[in-house]
Amino acid sequence: MSALDTIRREVSICMFDLYGTVVDMQGGVTRAVAPYLKAKGWAGDPSRLVTG
């Protein structure tokens, strides 16, 4: 029996935590939106917009 067969037989669920583990989503969105907000004259903290 191959490893793939064993995985198919033994694993019933597979989950990934992408937020902060694999991808820094908050940091990425903050960096992406900061120049736009600055160009629009917004003086607030861009990370506050991202986190709510």
Protein backbone atom coordinates (compact mmCIF):
# COMPACT_ATOMS: atom_id res chain seq x y z
CA MET A 1 0.00 0.00 0.00
CA SER A 2 1.36 3.42 -0.93
CA ALA A 3 1.64 6.42 1.37
CA LEU A 4 -1.14 8.09 -0.61
CA ASP A 5 -3.44 5.13 0.02
CA THR A 6 -2.66 5.31 3.73
CA ILE A 7 -3.43 9.04 3.82
CA ARG A 8 -6.72 8.49 2.00
CA ARG A 9 -7.66 5.75 4.44
CA GLU A 10 -6.48 7.39 7.69
CA VAL A 11 -7.09 11.12 7.26
CA SER A 12 -10.64 12.35 7.59
CA ILE A 13 -10.04 16.10 7.80
CA CYS A 14 -7.24 18.48 6.89
CA MET A 15 -7.20 22.09 8.09
CA PHE A 16 -4.91 25.03 7.45
CA ASP A 17 -4.47 28.16 9.51
CA LEU A 18 -3.52 30.71 6.88
CA TYR A 19 -4.02 33.83 8.96
CA GLY A 20 -0.68 34.76 10.45
CA THR A 21 0.89 31.36 9.99
CA VAL A 22 1.48 30.95 6.29
CA VAL A 23 0.40 34.36 5.04
CA ASP A 24 0.61 37.63 6.94
CA MET A 25 -2.71 38.85 5.60
CA GLN A 26 -3.06 41.87 7.89
CA GLY A 27 0.45 43.09 7.10
CA GLY A 28 -0.03 42.55 3.38
CA VAL A 29 -3.35 44.34 3.22
CA THR A 30 -2.00 47.18 5.37
CA ARG A 31 1.01 47.65 3.07
CA ALA A 32 -1.25 47.55 0.01
CA VAL A 33 -3.81 50.07 1.27
CA ALA A 34 -1.40 52.53 2.97
CA PRO A 35 -0.27 54.36 -0.21
CA TYR A 36 -3.87 54.68 -1.40
CA LEU A 37 -5.00 56.14 1.92
CA LYS A 38 -2.04 58.54 2.02
CA ALA A 39 -2.79 59.71 -1.53
CA LYS A 40 -6.38 60.41 -0.46
CA GLY A 41 -5.13 62.52 2.45
CA TRP A 42 -6.18 60.13 5.21
CA ALA A 43 -3.95 60.68 8.25
CA GLY A 44 -5.11 57.66 10.23
CA ASP A 45 -3.20 54.46 10.95
CA PRO A 46 -3.72 52.08 7.97
CA SER A 47 -3.61 49.04 10.25
CA ARG A 48 -6.67 50.33 12.09
CA LEU A 49 -8.64 50.24 8.84
CA VAL A 50 -7.58 46.65 8.23
CA THR A 51 -8.39 45.39 11.74
CA GLY A 52 -11.64 47.26 12.06
